[in-house]
Protein backbone atom coordinates (compact mmCIF):
# COMPACT_ATOMS: atom_id res chain seq x y z
CA MET A 1 -133.22 12.14 141.02
CA SER A 2 -134.07 12.38 137.34
CA ASN A 3 -137.51 11.53 136.03
CA SER A 4 -135.99 9.74 133.05
CA MET A 5 -136.18 6.02 132.41
CA ILE A 6 -132.92 4.32 133.32
CA ALA A 7 -131.64 1.00 131.95
CA LEU A 8 -132.21 -1.91 134.30
CA SER A 9 -128.79 -3.31 135.15
CA THR A 10 -130.01 -6.85 135.69
CA PRO A 11 -127.30 -9.47 136.15
CA ILE A 12 -127.49 -11.96 133.31
CA SER A 13 -128.50 -15.42 134.41
CA PRO A 14 -127.25 -18.50 132.54
CA ARG A 15 -129.47 -19.15 129.55
CA PHE A 16 -131.96 -21.86 130.47
CA GLU A 17 -130.10 -23.70 133.18
CA ALA A 18 -132.87 -25.72 134.80
CA THR A 19 -133.60 -25.02 138.47
CA GLY A 20 -135.96 -26.77 140.85
CA ASP A 21 -138.40 -29.47 139.81
CA GLY A 22 -140.50 -27.50 137.30
CA ARG A 23 -140.68 -28.18 133.59
CA LEU A 24 -139.58 -24.67 132.66
CA ALA A 25 -136.16 -23.04 132.85
CA GLY A 26 -135.67 -19.30 132.62
CA CYS A 27 -133.19 -16.49 132.34
CA ALA A 28 -133.19 -12.69 132.45
CA VAL A 29 -131.42 -11.00 129.53
CA PRO A 30 -130.99 -7.46 128.22
CA ARG A 31 -133.60 -6.69 125.59
CA ALA A 32 -130.82 -5.64 123.22
CA ASP A 33 -129.41 -9.18 123.32
CA LEU A 34 -132.53 -10.84 121.93
CA SER A 35 -131.99 -12.60 118.63
CA PRO A 36 -134.37 -12.09 115.67
CA ARG A 37 -135.63 -15.62 116.20
CA GLU A 38 -136.37 -14.96 119.88
CA ARG A 39 -138.27 -11.79 119.01
CA ALA A 40 -140.32 -13.69 116.44
CA GLU A 41 -141.12 -16.47 118.91
CA MET A 42 -142.12 -13.94 121.56
CA TYR A 43 -144.52 -12.25 119.18
CA GLN A 44 -145.96 -15.55 117.98
CA LEU A 45 -146.71 -16.50 121.59
CA PHE A 46 -148.12 -13.06 122.39
CA GLU A 47 -150.40 -13.06 119.34
CA GLU A 48 -151.79 -16.44 120.35
CA TYR A 49 -153.24 -15.01 123.56
CA PHE A 50 -153.86 -11.33 122.78
CA ALA A 51 -156.13 -9.88 120.07
CA GLY A 52 -155.74 -6.70 118.05
CA THR A 53 -151.96 -6.69 118.05
CA SER A 54 -149.42 -6.39 115.25
CA ARG A 55 -145.73 -7.15 114.97
CA ALA A 56 -144.95 -3.44 114.60
CA GLN A 57 -146.88 -2.57 117.76
CA PHE A 58 -145.23 -5.41 119.64
CA GLU A 59 -141.75 -4.27 118.58
CA THR A 60 -142.49 -0.67 119.55
CA ASP A 61 -143.52 -1.76 123.03
CA LEU A 62 -140.52 -4.06 123.35
CA ALA A 63 -138.08 -1.32 122.28
CA GLU A 64 -138.70 0.71 125.44
CA LYS A 65 -138.00 -2.20 127.80
CA GLU A 66 -134.56 -2.91 129.20
CA THR A 67 -134.84 -6.49 130.44
CA VAL A 68 -136.70 -9.60 129.31
CA VAL A 69 -137.37 -12.75 131.32
CA LEU A 70 -137.52 -15.75 128.98
CA LEU A 71 -138.83 -19.25 129.66
CA ARG A 72 -138.22 -22.49 127.77
CA ALA A 73 -139.15 -26.09 128.42
CA ALA A 74 -136.54 -28.77 128.93
CA GLY A 75 -135.34 -30.11 125.60
CA ASP A 76 -137.37 -27.57 123.58
CA PRO A 77 -135.65 -24.47 122.10
CA ARG A 78 -138.90 -22.55 121.65
CA ILE A 79 -139.88 -19.75 124.02
CA GLN A 80 -142.81 -20.81 126.20
CA GLY A 81 -143.20 -17.64 128.23
CA PHE A 82 -141.77 -14.19 128.80
CA SER A 83 -142.15 -10.91 130.65
CA THR A 84 -140.62 -7.52 129.87
CA LEU A 85 -139.35 -4.94 132.35
CA MET A 86 -138.38 -1.29 132.44
CA ARG A 87 -137.34 1.04 135.22
CA LEU A 88 -139.10 4.36 135.85
CA GLU A 89 -138.03 7.20 138.11
CA ALA A 90 -140.02 10.13 139.42
CA ARG A 91 -140.30 12.58 142.28
CA VAL A 92 -143.38 12.65 144.47
CA GLU A 93 -143.64 15.33 147.16
CA GLY A 94 -139.95 16.10 146.67
CA ARG A 95 -138.83 12.51 147.19
CA GLY A 96 -137.19 10.33 144.57
CA ILE A 97 -138.92 7.02 143.89
CA VAL A 98 -138.25 4.11 141.55
CA ALA A 99 -140.70 1.68 139.98
CA PHE A 100 -140.21 -1.41 137.89
CA PHE A 101 -142.89 -1.59 135.23
CA SER A 102 -143.98 -4.94 133.82
CA GLY A 103 -144.85 -4.91 130.14
CA ASP A 104 -146.07 -7.77 127.95
CA THR A 105 -146.26 -10.99 129.93
CA ILE A 106 -147.53 -14.42 128.89
CA VAL A 107 -146.93 -18.12 129.56
CA ALA A 108 -148.09 -20.87 127.21
CA ARG A 109 -151.28 -22.55 128.38
CA GLU A 110 -149.68 -25.96 128.94
CA PHE A 111 -147.43 -24.39 131.57
CA TRP A 112 -150.05 -22.40 133.49
CA GLY A 113 -149.58 -23.01 137.18
CA GLU A 114 -145.79 -23.30 137.05
CA THR A 115 -143.86 -20.80 139.16
CA GLU A 116 -140.62 -20.29 137.24
CA LEU A 117 -141.65 -16.91 135.82
CA SER A 118 -142.67 -15.57 139.24
CA ARG A 119 -139.48 -16.92 140.83
CA LEU A 120 -137.14 -15.46 138.26
CA TRP A 121 -139.01 -12.16 138.04
CA SER A 122 -138.94 -11.68 141.82
CA GLN A 123 -135.26 -12.55 142.13
CA THR A 124 -134.37 -10.19 139.29
CA VAL A 125 -136.37 -7.25 140.62
CA PHE A 126 -135.48 -7.69 144.29
CA ALA A 127 -131.77 -7.92 143.44
CA GLU A 128 -131.99 -4.65 141.54
CA ALA A 129 -134.00 -3.03 144.35
CA ASP A 130 -131.27 -4.06 146.80
CA ARG A 131 -128.64 -2.34 144.65
CA ILE A 132 -130.73 0.82 144.48
CA ARG A 133 -131.20 0.96 148.25
CA ALA A 134 -127.51 0.16 148.87
CA LYS A 135 -126.64 3.37 147.02
CA ASN A 136 -129.47 5.40 148.54
CA PRO A 137 -131.19 3.80 151.55
CA GLU A 138 -133.97 6.41 151.46
CA THR A 139 -135.20 5.39 148.02
CA ARG A 140 -138.55 3.57 147.96
CA VAL A 141 -138.90 0.97 145.23
CA TYR A 142 -142.21 -0.21 143.77
CA TRP A 143 -143.73 -2.60 141.24
CA PHE A 144 -145.98 -0.68 138.87
CA LEU A 145 -148.13 -2.83 136.61
CA ILE A 146 -151.30 -2.66 134.57
CA CYS A 147 -153.75 -5.55 134.35
CA SER A 148 -156.37 -6.29 131.71
CA GLY A 149 -156.95 -9.77 133.16
CA TYR A 150 -157.79 -10.85 136.69
CA LYS A 151 -155.13 -13.56 136.68
CA THR A 152 -152.32 -11.00 136.57
CA TRP A 153 -153.95 -8.87 139.27
CA ARG A 154 -154.27 -11.87 141.59
CA PHE A 155 -150.48 -12.18 141.75
CA LEU A 156 -150.58 -9.16 144.07
CA PRO A 157 -152.57 -10.69 146.97
CA VAL A 158 -150.73 -13.99 146.59
CA PHE A 159 -147.24 -12.53 146.98
CA PHE A 160 -147.64 -9.11 148.66
CA ARG A 161 -149.21 -8.01 151.95
CA GLU A 162 -150.04 -4.45 150.87
CA PHE A 163 -150.94 -3.50 147.32
CA TYR A 164 -153.29 -1.03 145.69
CA PRO A 165 -156.02 -0.89 144.71
CA ASN A 166 -157.42 -3.69 146.86
CA SER A 167 -160.80 -4.68 148.23
CA ASP A 168 -159.77 -4.59 151.88
CA SER A 169 -158.86 -0.93 152.34
CA PRO A 170 -158.88 2.35 150.42
CA THR A 171 -155.68 3.44 148.71
CA PRO A 172 -153.71 5.78 151.01
CA SER A 173 -153.20 9.26 149.61
CA HIS A 174 -149.42 8.91 149.28
CA MET A 175 -149.80 5.63 147.35
CA GLN A 176 -152.45 7.24 145.15
CA ASP A 177 -150.03 10.08 144.39
CA ILE A 178 -147.38 7.55 143.35
CA LEU A 179 -149.85 5.67 141.17
CA HIS A 180 -150.83 8.94 139.49
CA ALA A 181 -147.20 9.92 138.99
CA PHE A 182 -146.25 6.71 137.22
CA GLY A 183 -149.58 6.36 135.42
CA GLU A 184 -149.26 9.79 133.89
CA ARG A 185 -145.53 9.48 133.21
CA LYS A 186 -145.94 6.19 131.38
CA PHE A 187 -149.32 6.66 129.68
CA GLY A 188 -150.04 10.38 129.64
CA GLU A 189 -153.62 11.25 128.73
CA HIS A 190 -154.52 7.58 128.43
CA TYR A 191 -154.30 7.21 132.21
CA CYS A 192 -157.46 8.31 134.04
CA ARG A 193 -156.82 9.71 137.54
CA GLU A 194 -160.46 9.28 138.54
CA THR A 195 -160.63 5.54 137.81
CA GLY A 196 -156.99 4.45 137.83
CA VAL A 197 -157.56 2.73 134.48
CA VAL A 198 -155.40 2.97 131.35
CA CYS A 199 -157.39 3.08 128.10
CA LEU A 200 -154.96 2.72 125.24
CA PRO A 201 -156.04 3.53 121.66
CA GLY A 202 -154.28 0.40 120.38
CA ALA A 203 -155.47 -1.91 123.15
CA THR A 204 -154.72 -5.63 122.88
CA PRO A 205 -157.42 -7.47 124.87
CA LEU A 206 -156.96 -11.05 125.98
CA ARG A 207 -158.52 -13.57 123.66
CA ALA A 208 -161.61 -15.47 124.78
CA GLY A 209 -160.79 -18.38 127.05
CA VAL A 210 -157.60 -16.89 128.51
CA ALA A 211 -158.99 -15.07 131.56
CA ASP A 212 -162.77 -15.03 131.19
CA ILE A 213 -164.69 -13.73 134.20
CA THR A 214 -167.63 -16.11 134.56
CA GLU A 215 -170.47 -15.96 137.07
CA GLN A 216 -168.72 -18.68 139.03
CA ARG A 217 -165.45 -16.73 139.17
CA LEU A 218 -167.32 -13.62 140.30
CA ARG A 219 -168.08 -15.48 143.53
CA ASP A 220 -164.43 -14.86 144.40
CA PRO A 221 -164.47 -11.42 146.09
CA ARG A 222 -161.10 -10.50 144.61
CA VAL A 223 -162.18 -11.30 141.06
CA ALA A 224 -165.41 -9.37 141.61
CA PHE A 225 -163.39 -6.40 142.89
CA PHE A 226 -161.16 -6.46 139.81
CA ALA A 227 -164.18 -6.55 137.50
CA GLN A 228 -165.74 -3.63 139.36
CA LYS A 229 -162.55 -1.55 139.21
CA ASN A 230 -161.89 -2.34 135.54
CA PRO A 231 -165.28 -2.76 133.82
CA GLY A 232 -163.71 -2.34 130.37
CA TYR A 233 -161.32 -5.28 130.72
CA LEU A 234 -162.94 -7.11 127.80
CA ALA A 235 -161.94 -4.23 125.51
CA GLY A 236 -158.37 -4.30 126.81
CA ASP A 237 -158.61 -1.56 129.45
CA GLU A 238 -155.87 -1.94 132.05
CA LEU A 239 -156.09 -1.37 135.80
CA ALA A 240 -153.02 0.45 137.17
CA CYS A 241 -151.63 -1.20 140.32
CA LEU A 242 -148.81 -0.58 142.77
CA THR A 243 -146.98 -2.45 145.52
CA GLU A 244 -143.74 -1.81 147.34
CA ILE A 245 -140.76 -4.04 146.55
CA SER A 246 -139.57 -4.92 150.04
CA ARG A 247 -139.09 -8.18 151.89
CA GLY A 248 -141.28 -6.94 154.71
CA ASN A 249 -144.16 -6.62 152.24
CA LEU A 250 -144.02 -10.25 151.12
CA THR A 251 -146.53 -12.90 152.10
CA ARG A 252 -145.25 -16.35 153.02
CA ALA A 253 -145.81 -17.39 149.42
CA GLY A 254 -143.76 -14.39 148.32
CA GLU A 255 -140.97 -15.30 150.70
CA ARG A 256 -140.87 -18.83 149.32
CA MET A 257 -140.82 -17.49 145.78
CA LEU A 258 -137.83 -15.31 146.62
CA GLY A 259 -136.08 -18.21 148.36
CA MET A 260 -136.36 -16.70 151.86
CA ARG A 261 -138.11 -19.74 153.35
CA GLU A 262 -136.19 -22.60 151.75
CA GLY A 263 -136.50 -25.77 153.76
CA LYS A 264 -139.54 -24.47 155.65
CA ALA A 265 -143.07 -25.76 155.34
């Protein structure tokens, strides 16, 4: 298996056909199909919540991604949220592995708490993982992400049973090797093997009020663990994280998000 980045062959969902009872509707589209207006709206939303960015930097980051999940509100043409995706391949201990890397991700404040982005993201990635394993059942597929804010990191314990790093158990050596492989492939010298943190020279930290870690929030053991693992989060340092994309690794909340427990309490 090649170590190169391969285009994510995500099936295109209908553009903004509302599903469920939420206020947002979403779709997954190839990055190349984004219109100039959509790109501008994405950057405007990103700049509202992240500091130290520029349109040029945003476009450079976007150019490497293959797929974009877009969200809009009913009756409003403006983009209210998005997440970008790319596929990475590598070999670890002679075995081919695949990871889906999440890039820039944000949802407008008035829609915090809605689940459309998580639902659409999970259905997109799990469908692609199924296609990969159908061609090669031995391939292990992972979600590789970096987090400068605790809110993103907390998606892991909500939806996945096993993920790393976590506060409950040390990272197994084989998972650490995979984290190192993708961390170094994606970020080179900016990824630190000793800490598992990515320190980018053009970091874009979250603006104040987006994901502040207060003394009250530090009472949550998971938030405290994130702050301990990524002490430079205020400067935009990113904690590298990994979890396997498999149905057996989903929590009940993850199963519901993927539609595996429809009609169940």
